[in-house]
Amino acid sequence: MTITFIAHSTPEPAFYGALAAILAELRALPLCHLPVSYDSKRFINARQYISPQGQQIASGLLWLERLTGRGAGAEFDMESLINRALREDIVVPLNQPLSCSCYQDMLQQIREKDISIESLQVVKNQDRYQLEDCESGKVRSNGWARDSFGRWVLGSVTQPVMRGGKHLHLAILGDASEHRDSYPATLAALGDAADALAMNIQVTYIPANLMGSQLESTLFDIDGIILPGLAVLGSESVHTSTASQLAVAKWALDNQMPVLGINGGMHMMVAALGQKVLGDEAIALPGPSTLGAVQSRLPLMDEPVRQGNYKVMFKSGSKLAKAMGREVQMRYNQRWRLSPHLLDKLSCEGLQVSGTDESGLSAESIELENHPFFVGVQGNPELQSRRERPHPLLMAFLQQVRQNNRERDVSHDSLTKSVRLKHPYFLMG
């Protein structure tokens, strides 16, 4: 039996396991991965990939599921890795060269079991990444590159997609490097949906410290917003990150802008609506809050965290039911739940709980009436998207962005920018 080690010596978590996953798929071999660590200050979302079975592991292992449909599974310790290799050939990604001193004990144990070792390393040649044999220096692949959505493609270009219509501008909260180099799932899933709909998409990244007139200027030309609910790189505190997400969500409310909230992003959307209706001081947010304020979110009741695939039931006639069906499996990485008390207070303003768990007691998605697309989900649909099978929620969002753009762009020969009309409800008083 043989272990093929593939070392990609790069600090970016999004690269970890990518070429190993590609080789494992080409050779029809299982991928087994060891524990890895990253600079948590530089890459705060380095371990945010959740497998279907609920393991929270390095974000780059997403690529295995995208390529094969199989989750990466749990991390292996040394003993279990060797036992697996005694039964079948396996591929193992590394984030340091195999010659590193930290691997010498492992290599000795493998040799003692008479397991063969193939050592490959990832080398960058211009914009392509190739596999090179560490002993012979022979290049083993033609090279893989990343497209504008961070997805891996053979060669330097993707298969052409015939795109029509104007370019649509989407805003995603977070730094560009965070979405490409640390947690690549959201951007890749957006690309999958855009390809399926033959849409031209340009992405604008909203850093955590962008506020006030700078934020409004950036959002002016935006056609749709995604609040991914990740920890935001560059935020000096929880308060800074929360304030940025709230400001973006309020912009979407004021301007009838399609917005999709994922996980914690949904919580910020509900909090933003709560502040609009009840007042800023009436809603308790992460960080300091006013005594007696309504909590916007609460800890889970029966368990500290929900991770993996869970069933969600959508209400008939809701946007989510139309997009995905009445019952679906969604991927979860949940520690907080929406406050039922706040949801009750906002129900008279048109906020609906459109999805629940099987018990019907836990709010898993929300929608706002009289808004083109103000939709939030507790799960992480981006983790279930693949190039050939984009997630229907991302497709429904982009379809509404395109429709909304057509309906609300008010053009005038003397103007160079579209006129954004605020919703009259929030202009009263």
Protein backbone atom coordinates (compact mmCIF):
# COMPACT_ATOMS: atom_id res chain seq x y z
CA MET A 1 0.00 0.00 0.00
CA THR A 2 1.09 3.59 -0.65
CA ILE A 3 0.57 6.92 1.05
CA THR A 4 0.81 9.85 -1.36
CA PHE A 5 1.70 12.98 0.57
CA ILE A 6 0.96 16.30 -1.13
CA ALA A 7 2.61 19.28 0.52
CA HIS A 8 1.31 22.76 -0.22
CA SER A 9 3.60 25.06 1.74
CA THR A 10 1.41 28.12 1.96
CA PRO A 11 -0.11 29.94 4.93
CA GLU A 12 -3.53 30.37 3.26
CA PRO A 13 -6.10 27.89 4.63
CA ALA A 14 -8.13 27.95 1.39
CA PHE A 15 -5.26 26.20 -0.44
CA TYR A 16 -4.92 23.37 2.05
CA GLY A 17 -5.97 20.07 0.55
CA ALA A 18 -7.05 21.51 -2.79
CA LEU A 19 -4.52 19.77 -5.04
CA ALA A 20 -4.67 16.69 -2.84
CA ALA A 21 -8.43 16.55 -3.38
CA ILE A 22 -7.94 16.90 -7.14
CA LEU A 23 -5.42 14.02 -7.22
CA ALA A 24 -7.58 11.86 -4.97
CA GLU A 25 -10.50 12.34 -7.35
CA LEU A 26 -8.37 11.60 -10.43
CA ARG A 27 -6.98 8.41 -8.87
CA ALA A 28 -10.27 7.41 -7.19
CA LEU A 29 -8.53 7.24 -3.81
CA PRO A 30 -9.69 8.35 -0.36
CA LEU A 31 -8.26 11.54 1.12
CA CYS A 32 -7.19 11.34 4.77
CA HIS A 33 -6.13 14.47 6.61
CA LEU A 34 -4.13 15.17 9.76
CA PRO A 35 -4.69 18.00 12.28
CA VAL A 36 -3.36 21.35 11.02
CA SER A 37 -3.18 24.80 12.55
CA TYR A 38 -3.08 28.33 11.13
CA ASP A 39 -2.40 31.86 12.28
CA SER A 40 -5.78 32.61 13.85
CA LYS A 41 -5.15 36.36 13.92
CA ARG A 42 -4.45 36.51 10.20
CA PHE A 43 -6.99 33.84 9.17
CA ILE A 44 -9.82 34.00 11.67
CA ASN A 45 -12.04 31.71 9.56
CA ALA A 46 -9.37 29.10 8.85
CA ARG A 47 -11.40 26.22 10.34
CA GLN A 48 -14.96 26.91 9.22
CA TYR A 49 -15.61 24.02 6.87
CA ILE A 50 -18.30 21.79 8.39
CA SER A 51 -18.56 18.29 6.96
CA PRO A 52 -21.97 16.63 6.42
CA GLN A 53 -21.30 14.55 9.53
CA GLY A 54 -20.58 17.64 11.63
CA GLN A 55 -16.79 17.82 11.89
CA GLN A 56 -15.37 21.36 12.00
CA ILE A 57 -12.10 21.25 10.09
CA ALA A 58 -9.77 23.29 7.87
CA SER A 59 -11.69 25.48 5.40
CA GLY A 60 -9.68 24.27 2.40
CA LEU A 61 -11.05 20.74 2.77
CA LEU A 62 -14.22 22.13 1.21
CA TRP A 63 -12.65 21.36 -2.18
CA LEU A 64 -12.91 17.60 -1.63
CA GLU A 65 -16.66 17.79 -1.18
CA ARG A 66 -17.03 20.17 -4.13
CA LEU A 67 -15.10 17.77 -6.39
CA THR A 68 -16.44 14.44 -5.20
CA GLY A 69 -19.61 15.07 -3.21
CA ARG A 70 -17.94 13.37 -0.23
CA GLY A 71 -17.26 15.18 3.02
CA ALA A 72 -13.68 15.19 4.27
CA GLY A 73 -14.62 13.48 7.54
CA ALA A 74 -12.76 13.68 10.82
CA GLU A 75 -9.05 14.31 11.25
CA PHE A 76 -6.85 11.23 11.52
CA ASP A 77 -4.32 10.60 14.25
CA MET A 78 -1.10 8.80 13.38
CA GLU A 79 -2.30 5.34 14.39
CA SER A 80 -5.56 5.52 12.45
CA LEU A 81 -3.75 6.92 9.40
CA ILE A 82 -1.33 3.99 9.34
CA ASN A 83 -4.12 1.46 9.87
CA ARG A 84 -6.01 2.94 6.91
CA ALA A 85 -2.88 2.83 4.75
CA LEU A 86 -2.38 -0.85 5.59
CA ARG A 87 -5.73 -1.57 3.90
CA GLU A 88 -5.65 0.72 0.85
CA ASP A 89 -3.75 3.47 -0.95
CA ILE A 90 -4.54 6.94 0.39
CA VAL A 91 -3.78 10.60 -0.35
CA VAL A 92 -2.75 12.88 2.53
CA PRO A 93 -2.44 16.69 2.29
CA LEU A 94 0.21 18.58 4.25
CA ASN A 95 0.64 22.29 4.83
CA GLN A 96 4.42 22.00 5.25
CA PRO A 97 7.10 20.14 3.26
CA LEU A 98 7.41 16.45 4.09
CA SER A 99 11.08 17.09 4.92
CA CYS A 100 10.00 19.22 7.89
CA SER A 101 11.32 17.89 11.21
CA CYS A 102 7.77 17.67 12.56
CA TYR A 103 7.05 14.78 10.18
CA GLN A 104 10.14 12.64 10.81
CA ASP A 105 8.61 10.48 13.56
CA MET A 106 5.58 9.89 11.38
CA LEU A 107 7.71 8.83 8.42
CA GLN A 108 9.68 6.43 10.58
CA GLN A 109 6.49 4.74 11.80
CA ILE A 110 5.20 4.44 8.25
CA ARG A 111 8.42 2.84 7.00
CA GLU A 112 8.39 0.36 9.88
CA LYS A 113 5.01 -0.87 8.59
CA ASP A 114 6.44 -1.38 5.07
CA ILE A 115 4.09 1.22 3.62
CA SER A 116 5.37 2.92 0.47
CA ILE A 117 5.63 6.71 0.39
CA GLU A 118 5.09 8.97 -2.60
CA SER A 119 6.04 12.57 -1.91
CA LEU A 120 4.65 15.37 -4.10
CA GLN A 121 4.75 19.10 -3.59
CA VAL A 122 2.68 21.93 -5.02
CA VAL A 123 4.72 24.43 -7.01
CA LYS A 124 3.44 27.64 -8.54
CA ASN A 125 4.27 28.33 -12.19
CA GLN A 126 2.98 31.81 -13.04
CA ASP A 127 -0.75 31.57 -12.24
CA ARG A 128 -0.90 27.78 -12.28
CA TYR A 129 -0.25 25.27 -9.51
CA GLN A 130 1.45 22.00 -10.44
CA LEU A 131 2.34 18.78 -8.66
CA GLU A 132 6.05 18.01 -8.63
CA ASP A 133 7.74 14.81 -7.48
CA CYS A 134 9.98 15.71 -4.54
CA GLU A 135 12.62 13.13 -5.48
CA SER A 136 12.82 13.33 -9.28
CA GLY A 137 11.54 16.87 -9.79
CA LYS A 138 9.22 15.56 -12.48
CA VAL A 139 6.02 17.55 -12.95
CA ARG A 140 2.99 15.29 -12.53
CA SER A 141 0.20 17.58 -13.73
CA ASN A 142 -0.53 20.19 -16.39
CA GLY A 143 -1.39 22.73 -13.75
CA TRP A 144 -4.47 24.09 -12.04
CA ALA A 145 -5.53 27.69 -11.57
CA ARG A 146 -8.22 29.58 -9.65
CA ASP A 147 -10.92 31.53 -11.44
CA SER A 148 -12.37 34.89 -10.40
CA PHE A 149 -14.55 33.12 -7.80
CA GLY A 150 -11.60 31.22 -6.32
CA ARG A 151 -12.61 27.86 -7.81
CA TRP A 152 -10.01 25.42 -9.12
CA VAL A 153 -9.90 24.82 -12.87
CA LEU A 154 -7.60 22.79 -15.11
CA GLY A 155 -5.21 25.02 -17.03
CA SER A 156 -5.31 28.79 -16.93
CA VAL A 157 -8.90 29.40 -18.03
CA THR A 158 -12.31 27.96 -17.28
CA GLN A 159 -14.76 26.50 -19.71
CA PRO A 160 -16.45 29.53 -21.28
CA VAL A 161 -19.89 30.43 -19.97
CA MET A 162 -22.10 32.36 -22.37
CA ARG A 163 -23.18 35.28 -20.20
CA GLY A 164 -25.80 37.82 -21.16
CA GLY A 165 -27.11 41.12 -19.88
CA LYS A 166 -25.43 43.87 -17.90
CA HIS A 167 -22.94 43.40 -15.11
CA LEU A 168 -24.58 43.15 -11.70
CA HIS A 169 -22.72 44.34 -8.63
CA LEU A 170 -22.88 42.30 -5.44
CA ALA A 171 -21.52 43.28 -2.03
CA ILE A 172 -20.18 40.70 0.43
CA LEU A 173 -19.27 41.68 3.94
CA GLY A 174 -15.63 40.91 4.66
CA ASP A 175 -12.19 41.41 3.21
CA ALA A 176 -11.39 40.02 -0.25
CA SER A 177 -8.46 37.97 1.04
CA GLU A 178 -10.68 36.46 3.73
CA HIS A 179 -13.09 35.11 1.11
CA ARG A 180 -10.38 33.89 -1.27
CA ASP A 181 -7.63 32.75 1.09
CA SER A 182 -9.34 31.79 4.35
CA TYR A 183 -12.97 30.75 3.80
CA PRO A 184 -13.54 30.18 0.05
CA ALA A 185 -17.02 28.64 0.22
CA THR A 186 -19.22 31.74 -0.16
CA LEU A 187 -17.41 33.13 -3.18
CA ALA A 188 -17.24 29.73 -4.90
CA ALA A 189 -20.96 29.10 -4.35
CA LEU A 190 -21.77 32.52 -5.76
CA GLY A 191 -19.78 31.64 -8.87
CA ASP A 192 -21.66 28.36 -9.24
CA ALA A 193 -25.01 30.15 -9.22
CA ALA A 194 -23.81 32.90 -11.57
CA ASP A 195 -22.57 30.31 -14.08
CA ALA A 196 -25.85 28.42 -14.01
CA LEU A 197 -27.78 31.62 -14.68
CA ALA A 198 -25.24 32.94 -17.24
CA MET A 199 -24.97 36.16 -15.24
CA ASN A 200 -22.18 38.71 -15.20
CA ILE A 201 -21.27 39.31 -11.57
CA GLN A 202 -18.81 41.75 -10.06
CA VAL A 203 -18.12 41.43 -6.33
CA THR A 204 -17.40 44.35 -4.00
CA TYR A 205 -16.02 43.51 -0.57
CA ILE A 206 -17.17 45.54 2.43
CA PRO A 207 -14.48 45.77 5.14
CA ALA A 208 -15.60 45.86 8.76
CA ASN A 209 -14.39 49.39 9.40
CA LEU A 210 -16.30 50.95 6.50
CA MET A 211 -19.06 53.13 7.96
CA GLY A 212 -21.04 56.32 7.40
CA SER A 213 -20.75 58.17 4.11
CA GLN A 214 -18.00 55.84 2.86
CA LEU A 215 -20.27 52.84 3.31
CA GLU A 216 -23.21 54.58 1.63
CA SER A 217 -21.02 55.62 -1.30
CA THR A 218 -19.81 52.04 -1.74
CA LEU A 219 -23.31 50.59 -1.55
CA PHE A 220 -24.84 53.14 -3.94
CA ASP A 221 -24.11 51.12 -7.08
CA ILE A 222 -24.69 47.71 -5.48
CA ASP A 223 -27.51 45.48 -6.75
CA GLY A 224 -27.53 42.84 -3.99
CA ILE A 225 -25.89 42.06 -0.65
CA ILE A 226 -24.71 38.88 1.08
CA LEU A 227 -24.16 38.90 4.84
CA PRO A 228 -22.18 35.67 5.35
CA GLY A 229 -22.14 35.73 9.15
CA LEU A 230 -18.41 35.00 9.41
CA ALA A 231 -16.00 36.64 11.79
CA VAL A 232 -14.89 39.78 9.95
CA LEU A 233 -11.19 40.35 9.34
CA GLY A 234 -10.11 43.84 10.32
CA SER A 235 -12.78 44.43 12.97
CA GLU A 236 -11.12 45.66 16.14
CA SER A 237 -13.94 44.31 18.31
CA VAL A 238 -17.25 42.48 18.26
CA HIS A 239 -18.92 45.90 18.41
CA THR A 240 -17.16 47.07 15.22
CA SER A 241 -18.16 43.95 13.30
CA THR A 242 -21.75 44.15 14.56
CA ALA A 243 -22.06 47.84 13.69
CA SER A 244 -20.86 47.22 10.14
CA GLN A 245 -23.29 44.36 9.54
CA LEU A 246 -26.17 46.34 11.03
CA ALA A 247 -25.42 49.33 8.83
CA VAL A 248 -25.39 47.17 5.70
CA ALA A 249 -28.64 45.43 6.68
CA LYS A 250 -30.31 48.80 7.34
CA TRP A 251 -29.19 50.02 3.92
CA ALA A 252 -30.88 47.00 2.37
CA LEU A 253 -34.07 47.84 4.26
CA ASP A 254 -34.02 51.53 3.36
CA ASN A 255 -33.28 50.93 -0.31
CA GLN A 256 -35.33 47.80 -1.04
CA MET A 257 -32.05 46.04 -1.79
CA PRO A 258 -32.07 42.23 -2.14
CA VAL A 259 -30.10 40.80 0.78
CA LEU A 260 -29.31 37.24 1.82
CA GLY A 261 -28.24 36.61 5.41
CA ILE A 262 -26.41 33.40 6.25
CA ASN A 263 -26.15 32.11 9.82
CA GLY A 264 -25.13 35.12 11.94
CA GLY A 265 -25.93 37.37 8.99
CA MET A 266 -29.60 36.48 9.46
CA HIS A 267 -29.36 37.51 13.12
CA MET A 268 -28.03 40.93 12.10
CA MET A 269 -30.86 41.38 9.61
CA VAL A 270 -33.48 40.73 12.29
CA ALA A 271 -31.64 43.04 14.72
CA ALA A 272 -31.51 45.78 12.06
CA LEU A 273 -35.25 45.54 11.47
CA GLY A 274 -35.79 45.55 15.23
CA GLN A 275 -33.80 48.77 15.60
CA LYS A 276 -35.73 50.35 12.74
CA VAL A 277 -39.07 49.52 14.31
CA LEU A 278 -38.39 49.58 18.07
CA GLY A 279 -35.38 51.91 18.30
CA ASP A 280 -31.64 51.31 18.56
CA GLU A 281 -31.59 51.06 22.35
CA ALA A 282 -34.45 48.55 22.41
CA ILE A 283 -32.39 45.74 20.85
CA ALA A 284 -29.59 43.98 22.74
CA LEU A 285 -26.62 43.08 20.53
CA PRO A 286 -23.27 41.38 21.10
CA GLY A 287 -21.25 43.72 23.32
CA PRO A 288 -22.57 46.45 25.65
CA SER A 289 -26.33 46.99 25.53
CA THR A 290 -29.06 48.92 27.34
CA LEU A 291 -30.61 47.35 30.43
CA GLY A 292 -34.02 45.91 29.59
CA ALA A 293 -33.36 45.70 25.85
CA VAL A 294 -34.81 42.77 23.88
CA GLN A 295 -32.21 40.11 23.13
CA SER A 296 -31.64 39.65 19.40
CA ARG A 297 -30.20 36.17 19.81
CA LEU A 298 -29.98 33.46 22.47
CA PRO A 299 -27.77 30.40 23.04
CA LEU A 300 -29.06 27.06 21.81
CA MET A 301 -31.29 25.38 24.36
CA ASP A 302 -30.36 21.68 24.30
CA GLU A 303 -26.78 21.67 23.03
CA PRO A 304 -23.83 24.08 22.77
CA VAL A 305 -23.51 23.74 19.00
CA ARG A 306 -25.27 22.19 16.00
CA GLN A 307 -22.96 21.08 13.20
CA GLY A 308 -23.61 18.96 10.13
CA ASN A 309 -26.73 18.30 8.06
CA TYR A 310 -30.18 18.90 9.57
CA LYS A 311 -33.69 18.84 8.16
CA VAL A 312 -35.50 22.16 7.68
CA MET A 313 -39.21 22.58 6.99
CA PHE A 314 -40.23 25.62 4.90
CA LYS A 315 -43.71 27.13 4.90
CA SER A 316 -45.77 26.62 1.77
CA GLY A 317 -45.73 29.70 -0.43
CA SER A 318 -42.56 31.17 1.07
CA LYS A 319 -39.67 32.26 -1.14
CA LEU A 320 -37.53 29.48 0.32
CA ALA A 321 -40.14 26.78 -0.29
CA LYS A 322 -40.45 27.94 -3.90
CA ALA A 323 -36.67 27.86 -4.32
CA MET A 324 -35.84 24.62 -2.49
CA GLY A 325 -39.03 22.71 -1.70
CA ARG A 326 -40.88 22.13 1.57
CA GLU A 327 -38.28 19.84 3.22
CA VAL A 328 -34.51 20.11 2.73
CA GLN A 329 -31.26 19.14 4.38
CA MET A 330 -29.11 22.15 5.24
CA ARG A 331 -25.56 22.33 6.57
CA TYR A 332 -25.24 23.86 10.02
CA ASN A 333 -22.59 25.52 12.15
CA GLN A 334 -24.87 27.02 14.80
CA ARG A 335 -24.26 28.30 18.31
CA TRP A 336 -26.99 30.94 18.58
CA ARG A 337 -30.70 31.07 17.79
CA LEU A 338 -33.05 33.95 17.07
CA SER A 339 -34.96 35.34 20.03
CA PRO A 340 -38.62 34.20 19.84
CA HIS A 341 -39.63 37.32 21.80
CA LEU A 342 -38.11 39.63 19.19
CA LEU A 343 -39.61 37.62 16.34
CA ASP A 344 -43.04 37.98 17.93
CA LYS A 345 -42.59 41.75 18.21
CA LEU A 346 -41.61 42.03 14.55
CA SER A 347 -44.26 39.72 13.10
CA CYS A 348 -46.73 42.61 12.85
CA GLU A 349 -44.15 44.46 10.70
CA GLY A 350 -44.18 41.69 8.10
CA LEU A 351 -41.29 39.55 9.37
CA GLN A 352 -42.19 35.89 8.95
CA VAL A 353 -40.54 32.77 10.25
CA SER A 354 -40.58 30.87 6.95
CA GLY A 355 -38.65 27.80 8.09
CA THR A 356 -38.38 25.71 11.25
CA ASP A 357 -36.75 22.55 12.49
CA GLU A 358 -38.73 19.31 12.59
CA SER A 359 -40.26 20.23 15.94
CA GLY A 360 -41.64 23.46 14.51
CA LEU A 361 -40.28 25.39 17.50
CA SER A 362 -36.92 26.70 16.29
CA ALA A 363 -36.78 29.48 13.67
CA GLU A 364 -34.46 28.37 10.87
CA SER A 365 -35.24 31.06 8.28
CA ILE A 366 -36.94 34.45 8.00
CA GLU A 367 -38.49 36.53 5.21
CA LEU A 368 -39.82 40.09 5.18
CA GLU A 369 -43.04 40.95 3.40
CA ASN A 370 -43.14 43.93 1.02
CA HIS A 371 -39.43 43.61 0.29
CA PRO A 372 -37.93 42.15 -2.91
CA PHE A 373 -35.67 39.72 -1.07
CA PHE A 374 -34.98 40.10 2.65
CA VAL A 375 -34.22 36.45 3.42
CA GLY A 376 -32.09 34.85 6.10
CA VAL A 377 -31.23 31.24 6.87
CA GLN A 378 -29.61 29.68 9.91
CA GLY A 379 -27.73 27.12 7.85
CA ASN A 380 -24.76 27.52 5.50
CA PRO A 381 -25.96 26.80 1.95
CA GLU A 382 -22.59 27.74 0.47
CA LEU A 383 -21.11 24.52 1.90
CA GLN A 384 -23.51 22.42 -0.20
CA SER A 385 -22.88 24.07 -3.56
CA ARG A 386 -20.93 22.50 -6.41
CA ARG A 387 -20.05 23.82 -9.85
CA GLU A 388 -22.39 21.39 -11.60
CA ARG A 389 -25.05 21.64 -8.87
CA PRO A 390 -25.33 25.21 -7.54
CA HIS A 391 -27.37 25.75 -4.41
CA PRO A 392 -30.95 26.76 -5.29
CA LEU A 393 -31.01 29.46 -2.59
CA LEU A 394 -28.06 31.28 -4.17
CA MET A 395 -29.74 30.97 -7.56
CA ALA A 396 -33.02 32.37 -6.23
CA PHE A 397 -31.13 35.27 -4.69
CA LEU A 398 -29.32 36.12 -7.94
CA GLN A 399 -32.51 35.82 -9.96
CA GLN A 400 -34.17 38.35 -7.66
CA VAL A 401 -31.13 40.64 -7.86
CA ARG A 402 -31.42 40.63 -11.65
CA GLN A 403 -35.17 41.19 -11.57
CA ASN A 404 -34.88 43.94 -8.98
CA ASN A 405 -32.20 45.68 -11.03
CA ARG A 406 -34.44 45.72 -14.09
CA GLU A 407 -37.42 47.08 -12.16
CA ARG A 408 -35.81 49.76 -10.06
CA ASP A 409 -33.08 51.26 -12.23
CA VAL A 410 -34.63 54.62 -13.11
CA SER A 411 -32.59 56.01 -15.96
CA HIS A 412 -32.28 59.58 -17.18
CA ASP A 413 -30.15 60.91 -20.01
CA SER A 414 -28.56 63.54 -17.78
CA LEU A 415 -27.66 61.10 -14.99
CA THR A 416 -24.71 58.77 -14.94
CA LYS A 417 -25.91 56.76 -11.96
CA SER A 418 -29.13 54.95 -11.20
CA VAL A 419 -31.56 56.60 -8.83
CA ARG A 420 -32.16 54.57 -5.68
CA LEU A 421 -35.61 55.12 -4.19
CA LYS A 422 -35.91 54.48 -0.46
CA HIS A 423 -38.87 52.53 0.78
CA PRO A 424 -41.56 55.01 1.92
CA TYR A 425 -42.21 53.01 5.09
CA PHE A 426 -38.85 53.98 6.52
CA LEU A 427 -39.09 57.60 5.36
CA MET A 428 -42.16 58.34 7.48
CA GLY A 429 -41.63 60.27 10.73
